[in-house]
Amino acid sequence: MSLRSRTKTRTSPSGSEQPLTRAYDTALLDLDGVVYTGNDAIPHAVESLTAARGQGMRLAYVTNNAARTPQTVAEHLTRLGVPAAAEDVITSAQAVARLIAEQAPAGARVLAVGGPGLAAALRERGLVPVDSAADDPAAAVQGYAPELRWAQLAEMAYAVNRGVPWFASNTDLTIPTAQGIAPGNGAAVEVVRIATGAEPQVAGKPLPPMHRESVIRTGARTPLVVGDRLDTDIEGAYAGGVPSLLVLTGVTTASQLLGAQPRHRPTYVATDLRGLLTCPPEVTAVDGAFTCGGWTATASSAELTLDGRGAPVEGLCALCAAAWTYAGEGACDLDVSEPLSRLGL
């Protein structure tokens, strides 16, 4: 899929006259913060995905988390009540393995610091994972692993300081867990960057290798990216030139959404995955006021205001239109606490 030319800055979430399950053939779903958190499904996720599949939408699970194999992820989803096969899962480990295979000799050894998913992805591409810089690797790659040890980071630094090409599955600084927000793979990448002064080639969202991997593996013709992070999911969709749906079940808060810069502004907004099954509300603009459902929002140099009543997501969409229009190519810096408190957000 070619990148679209971006000649117009998004100043409002879009509406649709048909449910998103009808408008798009494939949902490219993030996992952490969208479908589940830790071992538990996010409320409404299972029934929403079951209904979306029943309406003919293909579900593909696209995650920057490189720790687990696609088969393990599929088994986890199935236990939660969302039947999935390994081929339905696309990971940043697969994307970075393809990137390495395109640059390293066939059968090359690769120093791999990460979980089983990273090693499996490298083997899928005919590469040989090793765990020491002394094994003369042709490349070195980092992926998320909950049991990461300091000695592994040291091995990575030894290899990179010797000039071995350095790759990272992704650079997410944080990851949502059942206990809260924890350091992600990007935090470990920063340790090696500090020790070496080098910069890795990165495959995961929001960069093109991850989008390319998703399209290759799914064959999607009209994909919709569904995520909870502005700086990975939404920016990745923006870079790939495809529509996106932001759900507020993970990392991104309503306040952060209102302050989003153009590359972080989603096409659609929903509180959770039930948004796949509905027609996103339209926002109308009249004389500098933005109306969605029963809500009307305005923005000025002094404040962002919201009046009316109705569904919170409609009020949020009206506020997005006011804030994004006011900010233009930048980020809205108005106080948003009062209007968001009216929405319970």
C-alpha atoms as a PDB file:
ATOM      1  CA  MET A   1       0.000   0.000   0.000  1.00  0.00           C
ATOM      2  CA  SER A   2       1.460   3.346  -1.010  1.00  0.00           C
ATOM      3  CA  LEU A   3       1.704   6.250   1.375  1.00  0.00           C
ATOM      4  CA  ARG A   4      -0.935   8.882   0.825  1.00  0.00           C
ATOM      5  CA  SER A   5       0.017  12.498   0.388  1.00  0.00           C
ATOM      6  CA  ARG A   6      -1.006  14.480   3.429  1.00  0.00           C
ATOM      7  CA  THR A   7      -2.051  17.882   2.124  1.00  0.00           C
ATOM      8  CA  LYS A   8      -4.741  18.619   4.683  1.00  0.00           C
ATOM      9  CA  THR A   9      -4.368  18.680   8.442  1.00  0.00           C
ATOM     10  CA  ARG A  10      -7.074  16.754  10.308  1.00  0.00           C
ATOM     11  CA  THR A  11      -9.097  19.173  12.412  1.00  0.00           C
ATOM     12  CA  SER A  12     -11.926  16.880  13.525  1.00  0.00           C
ATOM     13  CA  PRO A  13     -12.737  13.209  14.090  1.00  0.00           C
ATOM     14  CA  SER A  14     -14.691  11.777  11.164  1.00  0.00           C
ATOM     15  CA  GLY A  15     -18.194  10.371  11.170  1.00  0.00           C
ATOM     16  CA  SER A  16     -19.522   7.479   9.115  1.00  0.00           C
ATOM     17  CA  GLU A  17     -22.937   6.560   7.762  1.00  0.00           C
ATOM     18  CA  GLN A  18     -22.194   2.865   8.251  1.00  0.00           C
ATOM     19  CA  PRO A  19     -20.589   0.845  11.056  1.00  0.00           C
ATOM     20  CA  LEU A  20     -16.832   0.526  10.824  1.00  0.00           C
ATOM     21  CA  THR A  21     -17.226  -3.229  10.383  1.00  0.00           C
ATOM     22  CA  ARG A  22     -18.897  -2.470   7.042  1.00  0.00           C
ATOM     23  CA  ALA A  23     -16.622   0.367   5.986  1.00  0.00           C
ATOM     24  CA  TYR A  24     -13.345  -1.610   6.335  1.00  0.00           C
ATOM     25  CA  ASP A  25     -12.440  -5.199   5.480  1.00  0.00           C
ATOM     26  CA  THR A  26      -9.734  -5.702   8.133  1.00  0.00           C
ATOM     27  CA  ALA A  27      -9.178  -4.365  11.637  1.00  0.00           C
ATOM     28  CA  LEU A  28      -5.474  -4.155  12.498  1.00  0.00           C
ATOM     29  CA  LEU A  29      -5.880  -4.312  16.269  1.00  0.00           C
ATOM     30  CA  ASP A  30      -3.297  -3.460  18.864  1.00  0.00           C
ATOM     31  CA  LEU A  31      -3.435  -5.837  21.847  1.00  0.00           C
ATOM     32  CA  ASP A  32      -2.119  -4.317  25.087  1.00  0.00           C
ATOM     33  CA  GLY A  33      -4.602  -1.680  26.183  1.00  0.00           C
ATOM     34  CA  VAL A  34      -7.082  -2.486  23.400  1.00  0.00           C
ATOM     35  CA  VAL A  35      -8.045  -6.166  23.663  1.00  0.00           C
ATOM     36  CA  TYR A  36      -6.497  -7.042  27.010  1.00  0.00           C
ATOM     37  CA  THR A  37      -4.419  -5.774  29.884  1.00  0.00           C
ATOM     38  CA  GLY A  38      -2.158  -8.464  31.286  1.00  0.00           C
ATOM     39  CA  ASN A  39      -4.168 -11.679  31.519  1.00  0.00           C
ATOM     40  CA  ASP A  40      -7.586 -10.035  31.495  1.00  0.00           C
ATOM     41  CA  ALA A  41      -9.786  -8.948  28.621  1.00  0.00           C
ATOM     42  CA  ILE A  42     -10.746  -5.287  28.556  1.00  0.00           C
ATOM     43  CA  PRO A  43     -14.477  -4.756  29.184  1.00  0.00           C
ATOM     44  CA  HIS A  44     -16.621  -5.166  26.048  1.00  0.00           C
ATOM     45  CA  ALA A  45     -13.649  -6.383  23.972  1.00  0.00           C
ATOM     46  CA  VAL A  46     -14.616 -10.045  23.573  1.00  0.00           C
ATOM     47  CA  GLU A  47     -18.236  -9.493  22.619  1.00  0.00           C
ATOM     48  CA  SER A  48     -17.342  -6.589  20.319  1.00  0.00           C
ATOM     49  CA  LEU A  49     -14.727  -8.584  18.425  1.00  0.00           C
ATOM     50  CA  THR A  50     -17.036 -11.588  18.172  1.00  0.00           C
ATOM     51  CA  ALA A  51     -19.739  -9.372  16.684  1.00  0.00           C
ATOM     52  CA  ALA A  52     -17.285  -7.694  14.298  1.00  0.00           C
ATOM     53  CA  ARG A  53     -16.126 -11.051  12.971  1.00  0.00           C
ATOM     54  CA  GLY A  54     -19.746 -12.130  12.602  1.00  0.00           C
ATOM     55  CA  GLN A  55     -20.364  -9.076  10.437  1.00  0.00           C
ATOM     56  CA  GLY A  56     -17.584 -10.092   8.057  1.00  0.00           C
ATOM     57  CA  MET A  57     -14.642  -8.026   9.294  1.00  0.00           C
ATOM     58  CA  ARG A  58     -11.293  -9.809   9.411  1.00  0.00           C
ATOM     59  CA  LEU A  59      -9.495  -9.380  12.726  1.00  0.00           C
ATOM     60  CA  ALA A  60      -5.704  -9.171  12.777  1.00  0.00           C
ATOM     61  CA  TYR A  61      -3.792  -8.536  15.988  1.00  0.00           C
ATOM     62  CA  VAL A  62      -0.816  -6.238  15.480  1.00  0.00           C
ATOM     63  CA  THR A  63       1.404  -5.740  18.492  1.00  0.00           C
ATOM     64  CA  ASN A  64       4.686  -4.003  19.214  1.00  0.00           C
ATOM     65  CA  ASN A  65       5.237  -6.506  22.019  1.00  0.00           C
ATOM     66  CA  ALA A  66       7.862  -8.891  20.653  1.00  0.00           C
ATOM     67  CA  ALA A  67       8.126 -11.146  23.701  1.00  0.00           C
ATOM     68  CA  ARG A  68       5.637 -13.892  22.807  1.00  0.00           C
ATOM     69  CA  THR A  69       5.211 -16.026  19.708  1.00  0.00           C
ATOM     70  CA  PRO A  70       2.120 -15.562  17.522  1.00  0.00           C
ATOM     71  CA  GLN A  71       0.921 -19.005  18.612  1.00  0.00           C
ATOM     72  CA  THR A  72       1.162 -18.061  22.293  1.00  0.00           C
ATOM     73  CA  VAL A  73      -0.694 -14.800  21.666  1.00  0.00           C
ATOM     74  CA  ALA A  74      -3.400 -16.660  19.723  1.00  0.00           C
ATOM     75  CA  GLU A  75      -3.832 -19.146  22.560  1.00  0.00           C
ATOM     76  CA  HIS A  76      -4.157 -16.264  25.035  1.00  0.00           C
ATOM     77  CA  LEU A  77      -6.839 -14.621  22.884  1.00  0.00           C
ATOM     78  CA  THR A  78      -8.714 -17.890  22.535  1.00  0.00           C
ATOM     79  CA  ARG A  79      -8.715 -18.395  26.312  1.00  0.00           C
ATOM     80  CA  LEU A  80     -10.210 -14.937  26.700  1.00  0.00           C
ATOM     81  CA  GLY A  81     -13.027 -15.926  24.323  1.00  0.00           C
ATOM     82  CA  VAL A  82     -11.690 -14.468  21.055  1.00  0.00           C
ATOM     83  CA  PRO A  83     -10.826 -17.446  18.830  1.00  0.00           C
ATOM     84  CA  ALA A  84      -7.622 -16.651  16.944  1.00  0.00           C
ATOM     85  CA  ALA A  85      -4.976 -18.534  14.983  1.00  0.00           C
ATOM     86  CA  ALA A  86      -1.253 -17.816  14.856  1.00  0.00           C
ATOM     87  CA  GLU A  87      -1.610 -16.363  11.360  1.00  0.00           C
ATOM     88  CA  ASP A  88      -3.962 -13.717  12.773  1.00  0.00           C
ATOM     89  CA  VAL A  89      -1.137 -12.267  14.911  1.00  0.00           C
ATOM     90  CA  ILE A  90       1.532  -9.885  13.593  1.00  0.00           C
ATOM     91  CA  THR A  91       4.327  -8.839  15.935  1.00  0.00           C
ATOM     92  CA  SER A  92       7.154  -6.328  15.805  1.00  0.00           C
ATOM     93  CA  ALA A  93       9.468  -9.333  16.162  1.00  0.00           C
ATOM     94  CA  GLN A  94       8.305 -10.532  12.737  1.00  0.00           C
ATOM     95  CA  ALA A  95       8.766  -7.060  11.267  1.00  0.00           C
ATOM     96  CA  VAL A  96      12.288  -6.652  12.617  1.00  0.00           C
ATOM     97  CA  ALA A  97      13.264 -10.186  11.563  1.00  0.00           C
ATOM     98  CA  ARG A  98      12.257  -9.384   7.982  1.00  0.00           C
ATOM     99  CA  LEU A  99      14.264  -6.150   8.180  1.00  0.00           C
ATOM    100  CA  ILE A 100      17.366  -8.012   9.382  1.00  0.00           C
ATOM    101  CA  ALA A 101      16.979 -10.799   6.798  1.00  0.00           C
ATOM    102  CA  GLU A 102      16.957  -8.194   4.028  1.00  0.00           C
ATOM    103  CA  GLN A 103      20.380  -6.934   5.173  1.00  0.00           C
ATOM    104  CA  ALA A 104      22.197  -9.936   6.639  1.00  0.00           C
ATOM    105  CA  PRO A 105      23.473 -13.055   4.836  1.00  0.00           C
ATOM    106  CA  ALA A 106      21.225 -16.110   4.746  1.00  0.00           C
ATOM    107  CA  GLY A 107      21.689 -18.218   7.882  1.00  0.00           C
ATOM    108  CA  ALA A 108      23.510 -15.417   9.707  1.00  0.00           C
ATOM    109  CA  ARG A 109      23.888 -15.432  13.477  1.00  0.00           C
ATOM    110  CA  VAL A 110      21.978 -12.670  15.275  1.00  0.00           C
ATOM    111  CA  LEU A 111      22.542 -11.604  18.869  1.00  0.00           C
ATOM    112  CA  ALA A 112      18.986 -11.577  20.207  1.00  0.00           C
ATOM    113  CA  VAL A 113      17.982 -10.017  23.522  1.00  0.00           C
ATOM    114  CA  GLY A 114      14.285 -10.587  24.045  1.00  0.00           C
ATOM    115  CA  GLY A 115      11.605 -13.212  24.563  1.00  0.00           C
ATOM    116  CA  PRO A 116      10.695 -16.411  22.704  1.00  0.00           C
ATOM    117  CA  GLY A 117       8.753 -14.442  20.097  1.00  0.00           C
ATOM    118  CA  LEU A 118      11.890 -12.708  18.885  1.00  0.00           C
ATOM    119  CA  ALA A 119      13.866 -15.938  18.562  1.00  0.00           C
ATOM    120  CA  ALA A 120      10.994 -17.642  16.713  1.00  0.00           C
ATOM    121  CA  ALA A 121      10.674 -14.748  14.265  1.00  0.00           C
ATOM    122  CA  LEU A 122      14.391 -14.822  13.484  1.00  0.00           C
ATOM    123  CA  ARG A 123      14.279 -18.580  12.839  1.00  0.00           C
ATOM    124  CA  GLU A 124      11.264 -18.083  10.559  1.00  0.00           C
ATOM    125  CA  ARG A 125      13.531 -15.918   8.372  1.00  0.00           C
ATOM    126  CA  GLY A 126      16.355 -18.482   8.399  1.00  0.00           C
ATOM    127  CA  LEU A 127      18.485 -16.575  10.910  1.00  0.00           C
ATOM    128  CA  VAL A 128      20.207 -18.114  13.926  1.00  0.00           C
ATOM    129  CA  PRO A 129      19.666 -16.442  17.331  1.00  0.00           C
ATOM    130  CA  VAL A 130      22.688 -16.353  19.659  1.00  0.00           C
ATOM    131  CA  ASP A 131      23.094 -14.863  23.133  1.00  0.00           C
ATOM    132  CA  SER A 132      26.680 -13.596  23.220  1.00  0.00           C
ATOM    133  CA  ALA A 133      28.647 -10.913  21.404  1.00  0.00           C
ATOM    134  CA  ALA A 134      31.473 -13.478  21.319  1.00  0.00           C
ATOM    135  CA  ASP A 135      29.455 -15.581  18.831  1.00  0.00           C
ATOM    136  CA  ASP A 136      30.439 -13.199  15.996  1.00  0.00           C
ATOM    137  CA  PRO A 137      26.878 -12.105  15.137  1.00  0.00           C
ATOM    138  CA  ALA A 138      26.095 -10.343  11.855  1.00  0.00           C
ATOM    139  CA  ALA A 139      23.417  -8.275  13.606  1.00  0.00           C
ATOM    140  CA  ALA A 140      22.122  -7.521  17.095  1.00  0.00           C
ATOM    141  CA  VAL A 141      18.453  -7.051  17.982  1.00  0.00           C
ATOM    142  CA  GLN A 142      16.469  -6.079  21.067  1.00  0.00           C
ATOM    143  CA  GLY A 143      12.853  -6.984  21.855  1.00  0.00           C
ATOM    144  CA  TYR A 144      10.708  -6.716  24.961  1.00  0.00           C
ATOM    145  CA  ALA A 145      11.190  -9.383  27.628  1.00  0.00           C
ATOM    146  CA  PRO A 146       9.748  -9.170  31.163  1.00  0.00           C
ATOM    147  CA  GLU A 147      12.716 -11.155  32.559  1.00  0.00           C
ATOM    148  CA  LEU A 148      15.405  -9.023  30.927  1.00  0.00           C
ATOM    149  CA  ARG A 149      18.767  -9.249  32.714  1.00  0.00           C
ATOM    150  CA  TRP A 150      21.475  -6.602  32.967  1.00  0.00           C
ATOM    151  CA  ALA A 151      24.044  -9.040  31.538  1.00  0.00           C
ATOM    152  CA  GLN A 152      22.001  -9.256  28.330  1.00  0.00           C
ATOM    153  CA  LEU A 153      22.130  -5.490  27.889  1.00  0.00           C
ATOM    154  CA  ALA A 154      25.879  -5.658  28.419  1.00  0.00           C
ATOM    155  CA  GLU A 155      26.219  -8.233  25.617  1.00  0.00           C
ATOM    156  CA  MET A 156      24.217  -5.968  23.343  1.00  0.00           C
ATOM    157  CA  ALA A 157      26.452  -3.010  24.155  1.00  0.00           C
ATOM    158  CA  TYR A 158      29.599  -5.084  23.513  1.00  0.00           C
ATOM    159  CA  ALA A 159      28.338  -6.053  20.047  1.00  0.00           C
ATOM    160  CA  VAL A 160      27.131  -2.590  19.073  1.00  0.00           C
ATOM    161  CA  ASN A 161      30.377  -0.989  20.236  1.00  0.00           C
ATOM    162  CA  ARG A 162      32.210  -3.385  17.900  1.00  0.00           C
ATOM    163  CA  GLY A 163      30.200  -2.087  14.951  1.00  0.00           C
ATOM    164  CA  VAL A 164      27.600  -4.860  14.695  1.00  0.00           C
ATOM    165  CA  PRO A 165      24.418  -3.504  13.016  1.00  0.00           C
ATOM    166  CA  TRP A 166      21.838  -2.811  15.736  1.00  0.00           C
ATOM    167  CA  PHE A 167      18.085  -3.340  15.430  1.00  0.00           C
ATOM    168  CA  ALA A 168      15.133  -2.922  17.781  1.00  0.00           C
ATOM    169  CA  SER A 169      11.694  -4.460  17.494  1.00  0.00           C
ATOM    170  CA  ASN A 170      10.183  -1.218  18.818  1.00  0.00           C
ATOM    171  CA  THR A 171      10.998   1.711  21.063  1.00  0.00           C
ATOM    172  CA  ASP A 172       7.850   2.014  23.204  1.00  0.00           C
ATOM    173  CA  LEU A 173       9.066   3.520  26.462  1.00  0.00           C
ATOM    174  CA  THR A 174       6.135   2.063  28.419  1.00  0.00           C
ATOM    175  CA  ILE A 175       3.796  -0.916  28.328  1.00  0.00           C
ATOM    176  CA  PRO A 176       0.457  -1.339  30.141  1.00  0.00           C
ATOM    177  CA  THR A 177       0.254  -4.251  32.582  1.00  0.00           C
ATOM    178  CA  ALA A 178      -2.343  -5.504  35.044  1.00  0.00           C
ATOM    179  CA  GLN A 179      -0.493  -3.627  37.811  1.00  0.00           C
ATOM    180  CA  GLY A 180      -0.103  -0.378  35.854  1.00  0.00           C
ATOM    181  CA  ILE A 181       2.289   1.209  33.384  1.00  0.00           C
ATOM    182  CA  ALA A 182       5.710  -0.492  33.237  1.00  0.00           C
ATOM    183  CA  PRO A 183       8.943   0.218  31.299  1.00  0.00           C
ATOM    184  CA  GLY A 184       8.787  -1.010  27.723  1.00  0.00           C
ATOM    185  CA  ASN A 185      11.415  -2.112  25.212  1.00  0.00           C
ATOM    186  CA  GLY A 186      12.297   1.497  24.471  1.00  0.00           C
ATOM    187  CA  ALA A 187      13.601   1.901  28.012  1.00  0.00           C
ATOM    188  CA  ALA A 188      16.028  -0.992  27.479  1.00  0.00           C
ATOM    189  CA  VAL A 189      17.023   0.406  24.084  1.00  0.00           C
ATOM    190  CA  GLU A 190      17.886   3.688  25.809  1.00  0.00           C
ATOM    191  CA  VAL A 191      20.321   1.844  28.094  1.00  0.00           C
ATOM    192  CA  VAL A 192      22.252   0.502  25.102  1.00  0.00           C
ATOM    193  CA  ARG A 193      22.083   3.858  23.317  1.00  0.00           C
ATOM    194  CA  ILE A 194      23.667   5.532  26.344  1.00  0.00           C
ATOM    195  CA  ALA A 195      26.393   2.885  26.507  1.00  0.00           C
ATOM    196  CA  THR A 196      27.222   3.031  22.790  1.00  0.00           C
ATOM    197  CA  GLY A 197      26.130   6.363  21.327  1.00  0.00           C
ATOM    198  CA  ALA A 198      24.620   4.363  18.444  1.00  0.00           C
ATOM    199  CA  GLU A 199      21.121   4.431  16.948  1.00  0.00           C
ATOM    200  CA  PRO A 200      19.201   1.241  16.106  1.00  0.00           C
ATOM    201  CA  GLN A 201      17.102   0.506  13.056  1.00  0.00           C
ATOM    202  CA  VAL A 202      13.566   0.200  14.427  1.00  0.00           C
ATOM    203  CA  ALA A 203      10.805  -1.917  12.889  1.00  0.00           C
ATOM    204  CA  GLY A 204       7.763  -1.494  15.141  1.00  0.00           C
ATOM    205  CA  LYS A 205       4.937   0.996  15.135  1.00  0.00           C
ATOM    206  CA  PRO A 206       4.825   3.812  14.120  1.00  0.00           C
ATOM    207  CA  LEU A 207       7.487   3.076  11.495  1.00  0.00           C
ATOM    208  CA  PRO A 208       6.848   1.683   7.976  1.00  0.00           C
ATOM    209  CA  PRO A 209       8.323  -1.843   8.458  1.00  0.00           C
ATOM    210  CA  MET A 210       5.523  -2.762  10.876  1.00  0.00           C
ATOM    211  CA  HIS A 211       2.803  -1.438   8.583  1.00  0.00           C
ATOM    212  CA  ARG A 212       4.366  -3.293   5.639  1.00  0.00           C
ATOM    213  CA  GLU A 213       4.485  -6.548   7.645  1.00  0.00           C
ATOM    214  CA  SER A 214       0.814  -6.173   8.600  1.00  0.00           C
ATOM    215  CA  VAL A 215      -0.335  -5.608   5.009  1.00  0.00           C
ATOM    216  CA  ILE A 216       1.840  -8.442   3.637  1.00  0.00           C
ATOM    217  CA  ARG A 217       0.546 -10.951   6.172  1.00  0.00           C
ATOM    218  CA  THR A 218      -3.151  -9.960   6.069  1.00  0.00           C
ATOM    219  CA  GLY A 219      -3.625  -8.951   2.442  1.00  0.00           C
ATOM    220  CA  ALA A 220      -5.882  -6.146   3.716  1.00  0.00           C
ATOM    221  CA  ARG A 221      -7.366  -3.914   1.014  1.00  0.00           C
ATOM    222  CA  THR A 222      -9.197  -1.453   3.272  1.00  0.00           C
ATOM    223  CA  PRO A 223      -7.542  -1.724   6.695  1.00  0.00           C
ATOM    224  CA  LEU A 224      -8.497   0.164   9.835  1.00  0.00           C
ATOM    225  CA  VAL A 225      -5.826   0.566  12.520  1.00  0.00           C
ATOM    226  CA  VAL A 226      -7.282   0.239  16.029  1.00  0.00           C
ATOM    227  CA  GLY A 227      -5.153   1.297  18.976  1.00  0.00           C
ATOM    228  CA  ASP A 228      -4.802   3.040  22.310  1.00  0.00           C
ATOM    229  CA  ARG A 229      -1.538   4.937  21.759  1.00  0.00           C
ATOM    230  CA  LEU A 230      -1.145   8.166  19.844  1.00  0.00           C
ATOM    231  CA  ASP A 231       2.615   7.814  19.352  1.00  0.00           C
ATOM    232  CA  THR A 232       2.581   4.279  17.945  1.00  0.00           C
ATOM    233  CA  ASP A 233      -0.828   3.109  16.731  1.00  0.00           C
ATOM    234  CA  ILE A 234      -2.207   6.421  15.472  1.00  0.00           C
ATOM    235  CA  GLU A 235       1.083   7.810  14.209  1.00  0.00           C
ATOM    236  CA  GLY A 236       1.728   4.488  12.467  1.00  0.00           C
ATOM    237  CA  ALA A 237      -1.616   4.713  10.690  1.00  0.00           C
ATOM    238  CA  TYR A 238      -0.858   8.316   9.740  1.00  0.00           C
ATOM    239  CA  ALA A 239       2.529   7.323   8.319  1.00  0.00           C
ATOM    240  CA  GLY A 240       0.969   4.427   6.421  1.00  0.00           C
ATOM    241  CA  GLY A 241      -1.849   6.538   5.015  1.00  0.00           C
ATOM    242  CA  VAL A 242      -4.676   4.445   6.496  1.00  0.00           C
ATOM    243  CA  PRO A 243      -7.632   5.382   8.760  1.00  0.00           C
ATOM    244  CA  SER A 244      -7.448   4.796  12.496  1.00  0.00           C
ATOM    245  CA  LEU A 245      -9.704   4.316  15.507  1.00  0.00           C
ATOM    246  CA  LEU A 246      -8.494   5.378  18.955  1.00  0.00           C
ATOM    247  CA  VAL A 247     -10.024   3.613  21.957  1.00  0.00           C
ATOM    248  CA  LEU A 248      -9.658   5.098  25.433  1.00  0.00           C
ATOM    249  CA  THR A 249      -9.001   1.805  27.244  1.00  0.00           C
ATOM    250  CA  GLY A 250      -5.217   1.976  27.444  1.00  0.00           C
ATOM    251  CA  VAL A 251      -2.462   4.550  27.557  1.00  0.00           C
ATOM    252  CA  THR A 252      -4.015   7.634  25.954  1.00  0.00           C
ATOM    253  CA  THR A 253      -6.189   9.931  28.061  1.00  0.00           C
ATOM    254  CA  ALA A 254      -8.885  12.263  26.785  1.00  0.00           C
ATOM    255  CA  SER A 255      -6.689  15.212  27.740  1.00  0.00           C
ATOM    256  CA  GLN A 256      -3.801  13.889  25.651  1.00  0.00           C
ATOM    257  CA  LEU A 257      -6.147  13.342  22.719  1.00  0.00           C
ATOM    258  CA  LEU A 258      -7.258  16.968  22.793  1.00  0.00           C
ATOM    259  CA  GLY A 259      -3.628  18.063  22.735  1.00  0.00           C
ATOM    260  CA  ALA A 260      -2.670  15.773  19.840  1.00  0.00           C
ATOM    261  CA  GLN A 261      -0.487  17.107  17.050  1.00  0.00           C
ATOM    262  CA  PRO A 262      -1.600  16.341  13.454  1.00  0.00           C
ATOM    263  CA  ARG A 263       0.271  13.042  13.144  1.00  0.00           C
ATOM    264  CA  HIS A 264      -1.387  11.819  16.362  1.00  0.00           C
ATOM    265  CA  ARG A 265      -4.992  12.694  15.484  1.00  0.00           C
ATOM    266  CA  PRO A 266      -7.117   9.583  14.831  1.00  0.00           C
ATOM    267  CA  THR A 267      -9.774   9.326  12.164  1.00  0.00           C
ATOM    268  CA  TYR A 268     -12.329   8.016  14.659  1.00  0.00           C
ATOM    269  CA  VAL A 269     -12.660   8.031  18.457  1.00  0.00           C
ATOM    270  CA  ALA A 270     -14.472   5.524  20.720  1.00  0.00           C
ATOM    271  CA  THR A 271     -14.466   4.739  24.402  1.00  0.00           C
ATOM    272  CA  ASP A 272     -13.812   1.030  23.712  1.00  0.00           C
ATOM    273  CA  LEU A 273     -14.087  -1.626  20.992  1.00  0.00           C
ATOM    274  CA  ARG A 274     -17.845  -1.248  20.798  1.00  0.00           C
ATOM    275  CA  GLY A 275     -16.942   1.624  18.506  1.00  0.00           C
ATOM    276  CA  LEU A 276     -16.267  -0.909  15.734  1.00  0.00           C
ATOM    277  CA  LEU A 277     -19.949  -1.821  15.642  1.00  0.00           C
ATOM    278  CA  THR A 278     -21.397   1.672  15.490  1.00  0.00           C
ATOM    279  CA  CYS A 279     -21.543   4.600  13.097  1.00  0.00           C
ATOM    280  CA  PRO A 280     -19.024   7.165  14.395  1.00  0.00           C
ATOM    281  CA  PRO A 281     -20.830  10.453  15.129  1.00  0.00           C
ATOM    282  CA  GLU A 282     -20.542  13.385  12.745  1.00  0.00           C
ATOM    283  CA  VAL A 283     -19.194  16.730  13.901  1.00  0.00           C
ATOM    284  CA  THR A 284     -20.644  19.843  12.301  1.00  0.00           C
ATOM    285  CA  ALA A 285     -19.079  23.305  12.345  1.00  0.00           C
ATOM    286  CA  VAL A 286     -21.072  26.553  12.344  1.00  0.00           C
ATOM    287  CA  ASP A 287     -19.562  29.979  13.044  1.00  0.00           C
ATOM    288  CA  GLY A 288     -16.629  28.597  15.031  1.00  0.00           C
ATOM    289  CA  ALA A 289     -18.742  26.225  17.132  1.00  0.00           C
ATOM    290  CA  PHE A 290     -18.520  22.444  16.772  1.00  0.00           C
ATOM    291  CA  THR A 291     -21.536  20.246  17.446  1.00  0.00           C
ATOM    292  CA  CYS A 292     -21.713  16.481  17.874  1.00  0.00           C
ATOM    293  CA  GLY A 293     -24.883  14.848  19.161  1.00  0.00           C
ATOM    294  CA  GLY A 294     -26.235  17.093  21.910  1.00  0.00           C
ATOM    295  CA  TRP A 295     -22.906  18.799  22.630  1.00  0.00           C
ATOM    296  CA  THR A 296     -21.374  22.027  21.328  1.00  0.00           C
ATOM    297  CA  ALA A 297     -17.720  22.998  21.851  1.00  0.00           C
ATOM    298  CA  THR A 298     -15.796  26.198  21.160  1.00  0.00           C
ATOM    299  CA  ALA A 299     -12.184  27.252  21.571  1.00  0.00           C
ATOM    300  CA  SER A 300     -10.643  30.675  21.985  1.00  0.00           C
ATOM    301  CA  SER A 301      -7.370  32.094  23.223  1.00  0.00           C
ATOM    302  CA  ALA A 302      -8.872  32.055  26.705  1.00  0.00           C
ATOM    303  CA  GLU A 303     -10.573  28.681  27.060  1.00  0.00           C
ATOM    304  CA  LEU A 304     -12.099  25.536  25.662  1.00  0.00           C
ATOM    305  CA  THR A 305     -15.808  25.326  26.458  1.00  0.00           C
ATOM    306  CA  LEU A 306     -18.474  22.610  26.210  1.00  0.00           C
ATOM    307  CA  ASP A 307     -22.234  22.946  26.542  1.00  0.00           C
ATOM    308  CA  GLY A 308     -25.104  20.488  26.182  1.00  0.00           C
ATOM    309  CA  ARG A 309     -25.696  16.882  27.114  1.00  0.00           C
ATOM    310  CA  GLY A 310     -25.556  13.403  25.589  1.00  0.00           C
ATOM    311  CA  ALA A 311     -23.097  10.566  25.088  1.00  0.00           C
ATOM    312  CA  PRO A 312     -19.597  11.376  26.447  1.00  0.00           C
ATOM    313  CA  VAL A 313     -17.872  10.249  23.232  1.00  0.00           C
ATOM    314  CA  GLU A 314     -19.952  12.749  21.256  1.00  0.00           C
ATOM    315  CA  GLY A 315     -18.885  15.529  23.586  1.00  0.00           C
ATOM    316  CA  LEU A 316     -15.278  14.406  23.256  1.00  0.00           C
ATOM    317  CA  CYS A 317     -15.490  14.486  19.457  1.00  0.00           C
ATOM    318  CA  ALA A 318     -16.892  18.019  19.588  1.00  0.00           C
ATOM    319  CA  LEU A 319     -14.038  19.059  21.890  1.00  0.00           C
ATOM    320  CA  CYS A 320     -11.481  17.438  19.572  1.00  0.00           C
ATOM    321  CA  ALA A 321     -12.803  19.445  16.644  1.00  0.00           C
ATOM    322  CA  ALA A 322     -12.615  22.692  18.603  1.00  0.00           C
ATOM    323  CA  ALA A 323      -9.162  21.980  20.051  1.00  0.00           C
ATOM    324  CA  TRP A 324      -7.604  20.662  16.824  1.00  0.00           C
ATOM    325  CA  THR A 325      -8.988  23.514  14.745  1.00  0.00           C
ATOM    326  CA  TYR A 326      -7.688  26.024  17.267  1.00  0.00           C
ATOM    327  CA  ALA A 327      -4.231  24.353  17.336  1.00  0.00           C
ATOM    328  CA  GLY A 328      -3.879  23.911  13.564  1.00  0.00           C
ATOM    329  CA  GLU A 329      -0.463  22.372  12.895  1.00  0.00           C
ATOM    330  CA  GLY A 330       0.465  22.470  16.570  1.00  0.00           C
ATOM    331  CA  ALA A 331      -0.856  21.119  19.859  1.00  0.00           C
ATOM    332  CA  CYS A 332      -3.731  22.667  21.805  1.00  0.00           C
ATOM    333  CA  ASP A 333      -2.420  24.181  25.043  1.00  0.00           C
ATOM    334  CA  LEU A 334      -5.741  25.291  26.527  1.00  0.00           C
ATOM    335  CA  ASP A 335      -6.937  24.057  29.920  1.00  0.00           C
ATOM    336  CA  VAL A 336      -9.238  21.112  29.209  1.00  0.00           C
ATOM    337  CA  SER A 337      -9.987  19.985  32.761  1.00  0.00           C
ATOM    338  CA  GLU A 338     -13.384  21.673  33.131  1.00  0.00           C
ATOM    339  CA  PRO A 339     -14.999  20.454  29.866  1.00  0.00           C
ATOM    340  CA  LEU A 340     -13.633  16.941  30.373  1.00  0.00           C
ATOM    341  CA  SER A 341     -14.995  16.844  33.922  1.00  0.00           C
ATOM    342  CA  ARG A 342     -18.454  17.452  32.459  1.00  0.00           C
ATOM    343  CA  LEU A 343     -18.004  14.285  30.388  1.00  0.00           C
ATOM    344  CA  GLY A 344     -16.679  12.235  33.288  1.00  0.00           C
ATOM    345  CA  LEU A 345     -13.359  11.924  31.514  1.00  0.00           C
END
